Amino acid sequence: MSVTSVTTYGRNGLADWLVQRVTAVVLLAYFVFLTVFIACNEITFALWSALFAETWMRVFSMMALLSLCAHAWIGLWGVSTDYMTARMMGAKGNLVRWVFQSVVAVVTFTYLVWGVQILWSVS
């Protein structure tokens, strides 16, 4: 098993590239929808609660949350493997990269679990 098969999201660079683009489209659609919704309505707590009480909005939000997590992981993994190397950071470059990727993974997972809890909790 190679290092890239453990640390990347997809099987190869092309799969990562495709996931990055698809998640970007989902995020764009989500934020365009929210922007138009906010621009066209006087936002009240009741309206906002009613919007997020709809199953389709929860599913759309869940898709956006999963997309954000995948997009962030692939992007930050790419940055860390490109710029946090022993050649660029000295002897401890690989350790710095490992710590950075571990922190990103923990934070991303935490946000995912927290987002699922918020979206699907019964109020």
PDB file of N, CA and C in Angstrom:
ATOM      1  N   MET A   1       0.859  -1.176   0.000  1.00  0.00           N
ATOM      2  CA  MET A   1       0.000   0.000   0.000  1.00  0.00           C
ATOM      3  C   MET A   1       0.902   1.235   0.000  1.00  0.00           C
ATOM      4  N   SER A   2       0.652   2.129  -0.921  1.00  0.00           N
ATOM      5  CA  SER A   2       1.484   3.330  -0.998  1.00  0.00           C
ATOM      6  C   SER A   2       0.939   4.417  -0.074  1.00  0.00           C
ATOM      7  N   VAL A   3       1.774   5.406   0.170  1.00  0.00           N
ATOM      8  CA  VAL A   3       1.384   6.514   1.040  1.00  0.00           C
ATOM      9  C   VAL A   3       0.194   7.263   0.454  1.00  0.00           C
ATOM     10  N   THR A   4       0.186   7.444  -0.872  1.00  0.00           N
ATOM     11  CA  THR A   4      -0.902   8.222  -1.469  1.00  0.00           C
ATOM     12  C   THR A   4      -2.244   7.523  -1.349  1.00  0.00           C
ATOM     13  N   SER A   5      -2.249   6.192  -1.328  1.00  0.00           N
ATOM     14  CA  SER A   5      -3.532   5.504  -1.189  1.00  0.00           C
ATOM     15  C   SER A   5      -4.100   5.650   0.221  1.00  0.00           C
ATOM     16  N   VAL A   6      -3.263   5.985   1.182  1.00  0.00           N
ATOM     17  CA  VAL A   6      -3.724   6.194   2.551  1.00  0.00           C
ATOM     18  C   VAL A   6      -4.169   7.630   2.760  1.00  0.00           C
ATOM     19  N   THR A   7      -3.448   8.572   2.186  1.00  0.00           N
ATOM     20  CA  THR A   7      -3.668   9.977   2.528  1.00  0.00           C
ATOM     21  C   THR A   7      -4.560  10.738   1.567  1.00  0.00           C
ATOM     22  N   THR A   8      -4.746  10.282   0.354  1.00  0.00           N
ATOM     23  CA  THR A   8      -5.617  11.014  -0.558  1.00  0.00           C
ATOM     24  C   THR A   8      -7.044  10.519  -0.413  1.00  0.00           C
ATOM     25  N   TYR A   9      -7.984  11.314  -0.919  1.00  0.00           N
ATOM     26  CA  TYR A   9      -9.388  10.960  -0.822  1.00  0.00           C
ATOM     27  C   TYR A   9      -9.750   9.922  -1.878  1.00  0.00           C
ATOM     28  N   GLY A  10      -9.276  10.131  -3.083  1.00  0.00           N
ATOM     29  CA  GLY A  10      -9.595   9.229  -4.189  1.00  0.00           C
ATOM     30  C   GLY A  10      -8.485   8.229  -4.427  1.00  0.00           C
ATOM     31  N   ARG A  11      -8.610   7.487  -5.515  1.00  0.00           N
ATOM     32  CA  ARG A  11      -7.611   6.478  -5.831  1.00  0.00           C
ATOM     33  C   ARG A  11      -6.374   7.081  -6.481  1.00  0.00           C
ATOM     34  N   ASN A  12      -6.541   8.217  -7.131  1.00  0.00           N
ATOM     35  CA  ASN A  12      -5.414   8.837  -7.812  1.00  0.00           C
ATOM     36  C   ASN A  12      -5.675  10.335  -7.965  1.00  0.00           C
ATOM     37  N   GLY A  13      -4.747  11.021  -8.594  1.00  0.00           N
ATOM     38  CA  GLY A  13      -4.888  12.466  -8.763  1.00  0.00           C
ATOM     39  C   GLY A  13      -6.116  12.855  -9.563  1.00  0.00           C
ATOM     40  N   LEU A  14      -6.451  12.069 -10.583  1.00  0.00           N
ATOM     41  CA  LEU A  14      -7.632  12.385 -11.400  1.00  0.00           C
ATOM     42  C   LEU A  14      -8.910  12.251 -10.577  1.00  0.00           C
ATOM     43  N   ALA A  15      -8.994  11.220  -9.758  1.00  0.00           N
ATOM     44  CA  ALA A  15     -10.181  11.047  -8.905  1.00  0.00           C
ATOM     45  C   ALA A  15     -10.291  12.199  -7.917  1.00  0.00           C
ATOM     46  N   ASP A  16      -9.157  12.594  -7.330  1.00  0.00           N
ATOM     47  CA  ASP A  16      -9.164  13.734  -6.411  1.00  0.00           C
ATOM     48  C   ASP A  16      -9.599  15.007  -7.127  1.00  0.00           C
ATOM     49  N   TRP A  17      -9.084  15.214  -8.327  1.00  0.00           N
ATOM     50  CA  TRP A  17      -9.436  16.393  -9.114  1.00  0.00           C
ATOM     51  C   TRP A  17     -10.944  16.408  -9.387  1.00  0.00           C
ATOM     52  N   LEU A  18     -11.492  15.271  -9.765  1.00  0.00           N
ATOM     53  CA  LEU A  18     -12.924  15.187 -10.066  1.00  0.00           C
ATOM     54  C   LEU A  18     -13.772  15.421  -8.816  1.00  0.00           C
ATOM     55  N   VAL A  19     -13.394  14.818  -7.698  1.00  0.00           N
ATOM     56  CA  VAL A  19     -14.131  15.033  -6.447  1.00  0.00           C
ATOM     57  C   VAL A  19     -14.071  16.509  -6.063  1.00  0.00           C
ATOM     58  N   GLN A  20     -12.903  17.126  -6.228  1.00  0.00           N
ATOM     59  CA  GLN A  20     -12.746  18.545  -5.903  1.00  0.00           C
ATOM     60  C   GLN A  20     -13.704  19.397  -6.747  1.00  0.00           C
ATOM     61  N   ARG A  21     -13.845  19.092  -8.009  1.00  0.00           N
ATOM     62  CA  ARG A  21     -14.719  19.883  -8.892  1.00  0.00           C
ATOM     63  C   ARG A  21     -16.194  19.639  -8.589  1.00  0.00           C
ATOM     64  N   VAL A  22     -16.576  18.405  -8.354  1.00  0.00           N
ATOM     65  CA  VAL A  22     -17.981  18.093  -8.047  1.00  0.00           C
ATOM     66  C   VAL A  22     -18.386  18.733  -6.722  1.00  0.00           C
ATOM     67  N   THR A  23     -17.520  18.645  -5.719  1.00  0.00           N
ATOM     68  CA  THR A  23     -17.849  19.255  -4.433  1.00  0.00           C
ATOM     69  C   THR A  23     -17.929  20.770  -4.553  1.00  0.00           C
ATOM     70  N   ALA A  24     -17.112  21.355  -5.412  1.00  0.00           N
ATOM     71  CA  ALA A  24     -17.176  22.805  -5.618  1.00  0.00           C
ATOM     72  C   ALA A  24     -18.516  23.205  -6.227  1.00  0.00           C
ATOM     73  N   VAL A  25     -19.039  22.418  -7.142  1.00  0.00           N
ATOM     74  CA  VAL A  25     -20.338  22.711  -7.763  1.00  0.00           C
ATOM     75  C   VAL A  25     -21.460  22.590  -6.726  1.00  0.00           C
ATOM     76  N   VAL A  26     -21.403  21.564  -5.880  1.00  0.00           N
ATOM     77  CA  VAL A  26     -22.412  21.418  -4.826  1.00  0.00           C
ATOM     78  C   VAL A  26     -22.372  22.614  -3.881  1.00  0.00           C
ATOM     79  N   LEU A  27     -21.174  23.014  -3.463  1.00  0.00           N
ATOM     80  CA  LEU A  27     -21.036  24.165  -2.568  1.00  0.00           C
ATOM     81  C   LEU A  27     -21.522  25.445  -3.228  1.00  0.00           C
ATOM     82  N   LEU A  28     -21.217  25.622  -4.501  1.00  0.00           N
ATOM     83  CA  LEU A  28     -21.689  26.806  -5.223  1.00  0.00           C
ATOM     84  C   LEU A  28     -23.217  26.830  -5.266  1.00  0.00           C
ATOM     85  N   ALA A  29     -23.831  25.707  -5.605  1.00  0.00           N
ATOM     86  CA  ALA A  29     -25.296  25.647  -5.667  1.00  0.00           C
ATOM     87  C   ALA A  29     -25.913  25.960  -4.303  1.00  0.00           C
ATOM     88  N   TYR A  30     -25.326  25.427  -3.239  1.00  0.00           N
ATOM     89  CA  TYR A  30     -25.850  25.645  -1.896  1.00  0.00           C
ATOM     90  C   TYR A  30     -25.770  27.115  -1.506  1.00  0.00           C
ATOM     91  N   PHE A  31     -24.624  27.724  -1.718  1.00  0.00           N
ATOM     92  CA  PHE A  31     -24.456  29.111  -1.301  1.00  0.00           C
ATOM     93  C   PHE A  31     -25.196  30.093  -2.209  1.00  0.00           C
ATOM     94  N   VAL A  32     -25.365  29.759  -3.479  1.00  0.00           N
ATOM     95  CA  VAL A  32     -26.197  30.599  -4.358  1.00  0.00           C
ATOM     96  C   VAL A  32     -27.650  30.518  -3.886  1.00  0.00           C
ATOM     97  N   PHE A  33     -28.120  29.310  -3.575  1.00  0.00           N
ATOM     98  CA  PHE A  33     -29.487  29.171  -3.074  1.00  0.00           C
ATOM     99  C   PHE A  33     -29.696  29.983  -1.804  1.00  0.00           C
ATOM    100  N   LEU A  34     -28.778  29.847  -0.840  1.00  0.00           N
ATOM    101  CA  LEU A  34     -28.924  30.586   0.415  1.00  0.00           C
ATOM    102  C   LEU A  34     -28.862  32.098   0.196  1.00  0.00           C
ATOM    103  N   THR A  35     -28.000  32.543  -0.693  1.00  0.00           N
ATOM    104  CA  THR A  35     -27.892  33.974  -0.984  1.00  0.00           C
ATOM    105  C   THR A  35     -29.187  34.503  -1.578  1.00  0.00           C
ATOM    106  N   VAL A  36     -29.753  33.785  -2.533  1.00  0.00           N
ATOM    107  CA  VAL A  36     -31.013  34.210  -3.155  1.00  0.00           C
ATOM    108  C   VAL A  36     -32.144  34.160  -2.126  1.00  0.00           C
ATOM    109  N   PHE A  37     -32.179  33.113  -1.325  1.00  0.00           N
ATOM    110  CA  PHE A  37     -33.217  32.987  -0.294  1.00  0.00           C
ATOM    111  C   PHE A  37     -33.160  34.158   0.675  1.00  0.00           C
ATOM    112  N   ILE A  38     -31.982  34.492   1.126  1.00  0.00           N
ATOM    113  CA  ILE A  38     -31.823  35.598   2.075  1.00  0.00           C
ATOM    114  C   ILE A  38     -32.158  36.934   1.418  1.00  0.00           C
ATOM    115  N   ALA A  39     -31.762  37.096   0.158  1.00  0.00           N
ATOM    116  CA  ALA A  39     -32.021  38.352  -0.546  1.00  0.00           C
ATOM    117  C   ALA A  39     -33.508  38.558  -0.838  1.00  0.00           C
ATOM    118  N   CYS A  40     -34.236  37.477  -1.016  1.00  0.00           N
ATOM    119  CA  CYS A  40     -35.643  37.578  -1.408  1.00  0.00           C
ATOM    120  C   CYS A  40     -36.614  37.515  -0.232  1.00  0.00           C
ATOM    121  N   ASN A  41     -36.127  37.297   0.964  1.00  0.00           N
ATOM    122  CA  ASN A  41     -37.009  37.148   2.120  1.00  0.00           C
ATOM    123  C   ASN A  41     -36.521  38.002   3.282  1.00  0.00           C
ATOM    124  N   GLU A  42     -37.465  38.410   4.080  1.00  0.00           N
ATOM    125  CA  GLU A  42     -37.113  39.031   5.353  1.00  0.00           C
ATOM    126  C   GLU A  42     -36.925  37.885   6.335  1.00  0.00           C
ATOM    127  N   ILE A  43     -35.687  37.655   6.711  1.00  0.00           N
ATOM    128  CA  ILE A  43     -35.365  36.478   7.506  1.00  0.00           C
ATOM    129  C   ILE A  43     -35.802  36.666   8.954  1.00  0.00           C
ATOM    130  N   THR A  44     -36.613  35.744   9.392  1.00  0.00           N
ATOM    131  CA  THR A  44     -37.012  35.671  10.792  1.00  0.00           C
ATOM    132  C   THR A  44     -36.633  34.282  11.292  1.00  0.00           C
ATOM    133  N   PHE A  45     -36.640  34.128  12.588  1.00  0.00           N
ATOM    134  CA  PHE A  45     -36.336  32.815  13.153  1.00  0.00           C
ATOM    135  C   PHE A  45     -37.332  31.774  12.661  1.00  0.00           C
ATOM    136  N   ALA A  46     -38.606  32.155  12.590  1.00  0.00           N
ATOM    137  CA  ALA A  46     -39.646  31.213  12.151  1.00  0.00           C
ATOM    138  C   ALA A  46     -39.405  30.768  10.707  1.00  0.00           C
ATOM    139  N   LEU A  47     -39.060  31.707   9.832  1.00  0.00           N
ATOM    140  CA  LEU A  47     -38.811  31.369   8.428  1.00  0.00           C
ATOM    141  C   LEU A  47     -37.571  30.480   8.307  1.00  0.00           C
ATOM    142  N   TRP A  48     -36.510  30.852   9.009  1.00  0.00           N
ATOM    143  CA  TRP A  48     -35.266  30.084   8.954  1.00  0.00           C
ATOM    144  C   TRP A  48     -35.485  28.671   9.510  1.00  0.00           C
ATOM    145  N   SER A  49     -36.224  28.560  10.598  1.00  0.00           N
ATOM    146  CA  SER A  49     -36.538  27.254  11.180  1.00  0.00           C
ATOM    147  C   SER A  49     -37.392  26.420  10.235  1.00  0.00           C
ATOM    148  N   ALA A  50     -38.357  27.063   9.594  1.00  0.00           N
ATOM    149  CA  ALA A  50     -39.219  26.342   8.650  1.00  0.00           C
ATOM    150  C   ALA A  50     -38.413  25.826   7.454  1.00  0.00           C
ATOM    151  N   LEU A  51     -37.474  26.633   6.985  1.00  0.00           N
ATOM    152  CA  LEU A  51     -36.633  26.204   5.857  1.00  0.00           C
ATOM    153  C   LEU A  51     -35.833  24.956   6.241  1.00  0.00           C
ATOM    154  N   PHE A  52     -35.193  24.989   7.408  1.00  0.00           N
ATOM    155  CA  PHE A  52     -34.354  23.865   7.801  1.00  0.00           C
ATOM    156  C   PHE A  52     -35.143  22.705   8.399  1.00  0.00           C
ATOM    157  N   ALA A  53     -36.429  22.875   8.594  1.00  0.00           N
ATOM    158  CA  ALA A  53     -37.286  21.763   9.016  1.00  0.00           C
ATOM    159  C   ALA A  53     -37.640  20.863   7.831  1.00  0.00           C
ATOM    160  N   GLU A  54     -37.503  21.400   6.625  1.00  0.00           N
ATOM    161  CA  GLU A  54     -37.804  20.626   5.418  1.00  0.00           C
ATOM    162  C   GLU A  54     -36.720  19.574   5.185  1.00  0.00           C
ATOM    163  N   THR A  55     -37.148  18.354   4.879  1.00  0.00           N
ATOM    164  CA  THR A  55     -36.191  17.267   4.653  1.00  0.00           C
ATOM    165  C   THR A  55     -35.268  17.565   3.484  1.00  0.00           C
ATOM    166  N   TRP A  56     -35.804  18.138   2.404  1.00  0.00           N
ATOM    167  CA  TRP A  56     -34.958  18.416   1.238  1.00  0.00           C
ATOM    168  C   TRP A  56     -33.851  19.403   1.584  1.00  0.00           C
ATOM    169  N   MET A  57     -34.134  20.362   2.478  1.00  0.00           N
ATOM    170  CA  MET A  57     -33.108  21.333   2.861  1.00  0.00           C
ATOM    171  C   MET A  57     -32.065  20.681   3.754  1.00  0.00           C
ATOM    172  N   ARG A  58     -32.492  19.783   4.606  1.00  0.00           N
ATOM    173  CA  ARG A  58     -31.528  19.056   5.441  1.00  0.00           C
ATOM    174  C   ARG A  58     -30.616  18.179   4.582  1.00  0.00           C
ATOM    175  N   VAL A  59     -31.208  17.524   3.585  1.00  0.00           N
ATOM    176  CA  VAL A  59     -30.410  16.691   2.679  1.00  0.00           C
ATOM    177  C   VAL A  59     -29.449  17.567   1.874  1.00  0.00           C
ATOM    178  N   PHE A  60     -29.931  18.692   1.359  1.00  0.00           N
ATOM    179  CA  PHE A  60     -29.092  19.633   0.617  1.00  0.00           C
ATOM    180  C   PHE A  60     -27.963  20.155   1.513  1.00  0.00           C
ATOM    181  N   SER A  61     -28.282  20.483   2.750  1.00  0.00           N
ATOM    182  CA  SER A  61     -27.272  20.947   3.702  1.00  0.00           C
ATOM    183  C   SER A  61     -26.269  19.848   4.019  1.00  0.00           C
ATOM    184  N   MET A  62     -26.760  18.612   4.127  1.00  0.00           N
ATOM    185  CA  MET A  62     -25.867  17.483   4.382  1.00  0.00           C
ATOM    186  C   MET A  62     -24.927  17.274   3.204  1.00  0.00           C
ATOM    187  N   MET A  63     -25.441  17.392   1.992  1.00  0.00           N
ATOM    188  CA  MET A  63     -24.591  17.298   0.803  1.00  0.00           C
ATOM    189  C   MET A  63     -23.526  18.392   0.817  1.00  0.00           C
ATOM    190  N   ALA A  64     -23.920  19.598   1.204  1.00  0.00           N
ATOM    191  CA  ALA A  64     -22.967  20.709   1.273  1.00  0.00           C
ATOM    192  C   ALA A  64     -21.923  20.457   2.348  1.00  0.00           C
ATOM    193  N   LEU A  65     -22.334  19.929   3.485  1.00  0.00           N
ATOM    194  CA  LEU A  65     -21.401  19.642   4.572  1.00  0.00           C
ATOM    195  C   LEU A  65     -20.401  18.565   4.163  1.00  0.00           C
ATOM    196  N   LEU A  66     -20.883  17.483   3.573  1.00  0.00           N
ATOM    197  CA  LEU A  66     -19.984  16.433   3.093  1.00  0.00           C
ATOM    198  C   LEU A  66     -19.051  16.959   2.006  1.00  0.00           C
ATOM    199  N   SER A  67     -19.594  17.790   1.132  1.00  0.00           N
ATOM    200  CA  SER A  67     -18.778  18.392   0.076  1.00  0.00           C
ATOM    201  C   SER A  67     -17.695  19.283   0.661  1.00  0.00           C
ATOM    202  N   LEU A  68     -18.064  20.076   1.669  1.00  0.00           N
ATOM    203  CA  LEU A  68     -17.085  20.953   2.303  1.00  0.00           C
ATOM    204  C   LEU A  68     -15.962  20.147   2.947  1.00  0.00           C
ATOM    205  N   CYS A  69     -16.312  19.077   3.626  1.00  0.00           N
ATOM    206  CA  CYS A  69     -15.296  18.241   4.275  1.00  0.00           C
ATOM    207  C   CYS A  69     -14.371  17.591   3.250  1.00  0.00           C
ATOM    208  N   ALA A  70     -14.940  17.013   2.202  1.00  0.00           N
ATOM    209  CA  ALA A  70     -14.119  16.375   1.166  1.00  0.00           C
ATOM    210  C   ALA A  70     -13.255  17.408   0.445  1.00  0.00           C
ATOM    211  N   HIS A  71     -13.848  18.541   0.107  1.00  0.00           N
ATOM    212  CA  HIS A  71     -13.137  19.606  -0.602  1.00  0.00           C
ATOM    213  C   HIS A  71     -11.970  20.125   0.231  1.00  0.00           C
ATOM    214  N   ALA A  72     -12.215  20.361   1.504  1.00  0.00           N
ATOM    215  CA  ALA A  72     -11.172  20.862   2.398  1.00  0.00           C
ATOM    216  C   ALA A  72     -10.059  19.828   2.566  1.00  0.00           C
ATOM    217  N   TRP A  73     -10.425  18.567   2.750  1.00  0.00           N
ATOM    218  CA  TRP A  73      -9.402  17.545   2.942  1.00  0.00           C
ATOM    219  C   TRP A  73      -8.506  17.427   1.711  1.00  0.00           C
ATOM    220  N   ILE A  74      -9.104  17.346   0.539  1.00  0.00           N
ATOM    221  CA  ILE A  74      -8.305  17.204  -0.677  1.00  0.00           C
ATOM    222  C   ILE A  74      -7.422  18.435  -0.888  1.00  0.00           C
ATOM    223  N   GLY A  75      -7.994  19.606  -0.706  1.00  0.00           N
ATOM    224  CA  GLY A  75      -7.221  20.832  -0.904  1.00  0.00           C
ATOM    225  C   GLY A  75      -6.075  20.971   0.075  1.00  0.00           C
ATOM    226  N   LEU A  76      -6.346  20.744   1.348  1.00  0.00           N
ATOM    227  CA  LEU A  76      -5.298  20.893   2.361  1.00  0.00           C
ATOM    228  C   LEU A  76      -4.287  19.756   2.301  1.00  0.00           C
ATOM    229  N   TRP A  77      -4.721  18.560   1.897  1.00  0.00           N
ATOM    230  CA  TRP A  77      -3.772  17.475   1.684  1.00  0.00           C
ATOM    231  C   TRP A  77      -2.815  17.851   0.554  1.00  0.00           C
ATOM    232  N   GLY A  78      -3.361  18.408  -0.522  1.00  0.00           N
ATOM    233  CA  GLY A  78      -2.521  18.830  -1.642  1.00  0.00           C
ATOM    234  C   GLY A  78      -1.515  19.896  -1.233  1.00  0.00           C
ATOM    235  N   VAL A  79      -1.970  20.876  -0.483  1.00  0.00           N
ATOM    236  CA  VAL A  79      -1.075  21.932  -0.005  1.00  0.00           C
ATOM    237  C   VAL A  79       0.014  21.341   0.889  1.00  0.00           C
ATOM    238  N   SER A  80      -0.379  20.467   1.796  1.00  0.00           N
ATOM    239  CA  SER A  80       0.611  19.917   2.733  1.00  0.00           C
ATOM    240  C   SER A  80       1.633  19.041   2.024  1.00  0.00           C
ATOM    241  N   THR A  81       1.215  18.254   1.045  1.00  0.00           N
ATOM    242  CA  THR A  81       2.178  17.402   0.357  1.00  0.00           C
ATOM    243  C   THR A  81       3.058  18.199  -0.598  1.00  0.00           C
ATOM    244  N   ASP A  82       2.565  19.324  -1.090  1.00  0.00           N
ATOM    245  CA  ASP A  82       3.375  20.156  -1.983  1.00  0.00           C
ATOM    246  C   ASP A  82       4.366  21.031  -1.227  1.00  0.00           C
ATOM    247  N   TYR A  83       3.969  21.573  -0.085  1.00  0.00           N
ATOM    248  CA  TYR A  83       4.776  22.586   0.591  1.00  0.00           C
ATOM    249  C   TYR A  83       5.368  22.172   1.926  1.00  0.00           C
ATOM    250  N   MET A  84       4.896  21.110   2.519  1.00  0.00           N
ATOM    251  CA  MET A  84       5.446  20.668   3.805  1.00  0.00           C
ATOM    252  C   MET A  84       6.293  19.426   3.586  1.00  0.00           C
ATOM    253  N   THR A  85       7.433  19.606   2.975  1.00  0.00           N
ATOM    254  CA  THR A  85       8.333  18.505   2.671  1.00  0.00           C
ATOM    255  C   THR A  85       9.644  18.704   3.417  1.00  0.00           C
ATOM    256  N   ALA A  86      10.390  17.628   3.535  1.00  0.00           N
ATOM    257  CA  ALA A  86      11.700  17.717   4.188  1.00  0.00           C
ATOM    258  C   ALA A  86      12.610  18.668   3.418  1.00  0.00           C
ATOM    259  N   ARG A  87      12.488  18.693   2.110  1.00  0.00           N
ATOM    260  CA  ARG A  87      13.314  19.576   1.283  1.00  0.00           C
ATOM    261  C   ARG A  87      13.010  21.042   1.576  1.00  0.00           C
ATOM    262  N   MET A  88      11.752  21.371   1.822  1.00  0.00           N
ATOM    263  CA  MET A  88      11.362  22.766   2.032  1.00  0.00           C
ATOM    264  C   MET A  88      11.379  23.184   3.503  1.00  0.00           C
ATOM    265  N   MET A  89      11.215  22.236   4.411  1.00  0.00           N
ATOM    266  CA  MET A  89      11.083  22.591   5.819  1.00  0.00           C
ATOM    267  C   MET A  89      12.185  22.004   6.695  1.00  0.00           C
ATOM    268  N   GLY A  90      13.150  21.379   6.104  1.00  0.00           N
ATOM    269  CA  GLY A  90      14.218  20.794   6.889  1.00  0.00           C
ATOM    270  C   GLY A  90      13.888  19.368   7.298  1.00  0.00           C
ATOM    271  N   ALA A  91      14.667  18.874   8.219  1.00  0.00           N
ATOM    272  CA  ALA A  91      14.573  17.467   8.624  1.00  0.00           C
ATOM    273  C   ALA A  91      13.223  17.103   9.220  1.00  0.00           C
ATOM    274  N   LYS A  92      12.551  18.043   9.821  1.00  0.00           N
ATOM    275  CA  LYS A  92      11.264  17.748  10.470  1.00  0.00           C
ATOM    276  C   LYS A  92      10.067  18.020   9.556  1.00  0.00           C
ATOM    277  N   GLY A  93      10.299  18.212   8.288  1.00  0.00           N
ATOM    278  CA  GLY A  93       9.221  18.514   7.342  1.00  0.00           C
ATOM    279  C   GLY A  93       8.149  17.447   7.296  1.00  0.00           C
ATOM    280  N   ASN A  94       8.565  16.186   7.291  1.00  0.00           N
ATOM    281  CA  ASN A  94       7.583  15.094   7.240  1.00  0.00           C
ATOM    282  C   ASN A  94       6.759  15.029   8.520  1.00  0.00           C
ATOM    283  N   LEU A  95       7.394  15.308   9.660  1.00  0.00           N
ATOM    284  CA  LEU A  95       6.661  15.332  10.929  1.00  0.00           C
ATOM    285  C   LEU A  95       5.656  16.481  10.954  1.00  0.00           C
ATOM    286  N   VAL A  96       6.080  17.642  10.476  1.00  0.00           N
ATOM    287  CA  VAL A  96       5.182  18.806  10.415  1.00  0.00           C
ATOM    288  C   VAL A  96       3.981  18.482   9.527  1.00  0.00           C
ATOM    289  N   ARG A  97       4.249  17.850   8.389  1.00  0.00           N
ATOM    290  CA  ARG A  97       3.156  17.490   7.475  1.00  0.00           C
ATOM    291  C   ARG A  97       2.208  16.494   8.135  1.00  0.00           C
ATOM    292  N   TRP A  98       2.753  15.489   8.822  1.00  0.00           N
ATOM    293  CA  TRP A  98       1.920  14.495   9.484  1.00  0.00           C
ATOM    294  C   TRP A  98       1.050  15.137  10.558  1.00  0.00           C
ATOM    295  N   VAL A  99       1.630  16.010  11.361  1.00  0.00           N
ATOM    296  CA  VAL A  99       0.867  16.701  12.412  1.00  0.00           C
ATOM    297  C   VAL A  99      -0.219  17.565  11.786  1.00  0.00           C
ATOM    298  N   PHE A 100       0.135  18.322  10.743  1.00  0.00           N
ATOM    299  CA  PHE A 100      -0.839  19.180  10.057  1.00  0.00           C
ATOM    300  C   PHE A 100      -1.993  18.349   9.508  1.00  0.00           C
ATOM    301  N   GLN A 101      -1.688  17.262   8.809  1.00  0.00           N
ATOM    302  CA  GLN A 101      -2.739  16.419   8.233  1.00  0.00           C
ATOM    303  C   GLN A 101      -3.590  15.774   9.327  1.00  0.00           C
ATOM    304  N   SER A 102      -2.988  15.407  10.432  1.00  0.00           N
ATOM    305  CA  SER A 102      -3.744  14.828  11.544  1.00  0.00           C
ATOM    306  C   SER A 102      -4.704  15.849  12.139  1.00  0.00           C
ATOM    307  N   VAL A 103      -4.234  17.078  12.330  1.00  0.00           N
ATOM    308  CA  VAL A 103      -5.092  18.138  12.871  1.00  0.00           C
ATOM    309  C   VAL A 103      -6.244  18.422  11.903  1.00  0.00           C
ATOM    310  N   VAL A 104      -5.932  18.511  10.617  1.00  0.00           N
ATOM    311  CA  VAL A 104      -6.980  18.750   9.612  1.00  0.00           C
ATOM    312  C   VAL A 104      -8.006  17.622   9.636  1.00  0.00           C
ATOM    313  N   ALA A 105      -7.555  16.381   9.736  1.00  0.00           N
ATOM    314  CA  ALA A 105      -8.481  15.240   9.766  1.00  0.00           C
ATOM    315  C   ALA A 105      -9.379  15.286  10.998  1.00  0.00           C
ATOM    316  N   VAL A 106      -8.805  15.577  12.156  1.00  0.00           N
ATOM    317  CA  VAL A 106      -9.594  15.635  13.394  1.00  0.00           C
ATOM    318  C   VAL A 106     -10.593  16.784  13.346  1.00  0.00           C
ATOM    319  N   VAL A 107     -10.155  17.954  12.908  1.00  0.00           N
ATOM    320  CA  VAL A 107     -11.051  19.117  12.823  1.00  0.00           C
ATOM    321  C   VAL A 107     -12.163  18.859  11.814  1.00  0.00           C
ATOM    322  N   THR A 108     -11.819  18.321  10.662  1.00  0.00           N
ATOM    323  CA  THR A 108     -12.832  18.029   9.632  1.00  0.00           C
ATOM    324  C   THR A 108     -13.849  17.017  10.139  1.00  0.00           C
ATOM    325  N   PHE A 109     -13.382  15.962  10.786  1.00  0.00           N
ATOM    326  CA  PHE A 109     -14.296  14.958  11.332  1.00  0.00           C
ATOM    327  C   PHE A 109     -15.178  15.554  12.419  1.00  0.00           C
ATOM    328  N   THR A 110     -14.591  16.393  13.265  1.00  0.00           N
ATOM    329  CA  THR A 110     -15.362  17.044  14.332  1.00  0.00           C
ATOM    330  C   THR A 110     -16.461  17.911  13.751  1.00  0.00           C
ATOM    331  N   TYR A 111     -16.132  18.717  12.752  1.00  0.00           N
ATOM    332  CA  TYR A 111     -17.137  19.560  12.111  1.00  0.00           C
ATOM    333  C   TYR A 111     -18.219  18.727  11.424  1.00  0.00           C
ATOM    334  N   LEU A 112     -17.830  17.615  10.835  1.00  0.00           N
ATOM    335  CA  LEU A 112     -18.811  16.744  10.184  1.00  0.00           C
ATOM    336  C   LEU A 112     -19.795  16.184  11.206  1.00  0.00           C
ATOM    337  N   VAL A 113     -19.277  15.640  12.304  1.00  0.00           N
ATOM    338  CA  VAL A 113     -20.146  15.072  13.339  1.00  0.00           C
ATOM    339  C   VAL A 113     -21.034  16.158  13.940  1.00  0.00           C
ATOM    340  N   TRP A 114     -20.462  17.304  14.210  1.00  0.00           N
ATOM    341  CA  TRP A 114     -21.213  18.418  14.775  1.00  0.00           C
ATOM    342  C   TRP A 114     -22.312  18.868  13.813  1.00  0.00           C
ATOM    343  N   GLY A 115     -21.980  18.972  12.532  1.00  0.00           N
ATOM    344  CA  GLY A 115     -22.967  19.374  11.527  1.00  0.00           C
ATOM    345  C   GLY A 115     -24.103  18.384  11.404  1.00  0.00           C
ATOM    346  N   VAL A 116     -23.795  17.098  11.426  1.00  0.00           N
ATOM    347  CA  VAL A 116     -24.844  16.066  11.370  1.00  0.00           C
ATOM    348  C   VAL A 116     -25.746  16.178  12.593  1.00  0.00           C
ATOM    349  N   GLN A 117     -25.135  16.383  13.749  1.00  0.00           N
ATOM    350  CA  GLN A 117     -25.922  16.519  14.980  1.00  0.00           C
ATOM    351  C   GLN A 117     -26.858  17.726  14.888  1.00  0.00           C
ATOM    352  N   ILE A 118     -26.357  18.846  14.397  1.00  0.00           N
ATOM    353  CA  ILE A 118     -27.176  20.053  14.277  1.00  0.00           C
ATOM    354  C   ILE A 118     -28.293  19.858  13.257  1.00  0.00           C
ATOM    355  N   LEU A 119     -27.961  19.303  12.099  1.00  0.00           N
ATOM    356  CA  LEU A 119     -28.950  19.147  11.028  1.00  0.00           C
ATOM    357  C   LEU A 119     -30.058  18.163  11.365  1.00  0.00           C
ATOM    358  N   TRP A 120     -29.718  17.070  12.014  1.00  0.00           N
ATOM    359  CA  TRP A 120     -30.682  15.999  12.200  1.00  0.00           C
ATOM    360  C   TRP A 120     -31.194  15.850  13.621  1.00  0.00           C
ATOM    361  N   SER A 121     -30.842  16.798  14.495  1.00  0.00           N
ATOM    362  CA  SER A 121     -31.381  16.724  15.852  1.00  0.00           C
ATOM    363  C   SER A 121     -32.861  17.091  15.838  1.00  0.00           C
ATOM    364  N   VAL A 122     -33.580  16.514  16.737  1.00  0.00           N
ATOM    365  CA  VAL A 122     -35.015  16.804  16.856  1.00  0.00           C
ATOM    366  C   VAL A 122     -35.170  17.969  17.792  1.00  0.00           C
ATOM    367  N   SER A 123     -35.852  19.017  17.303  1.00  0.00           N
ATOM    368  CA  SER A 123     -36.008  20.202  18.152  1.00  0.00           C
ATOM    369  C   SER A 123     -37.414  20.317  18.697  1.00  0.00           C
TER     370      SER A 123
END
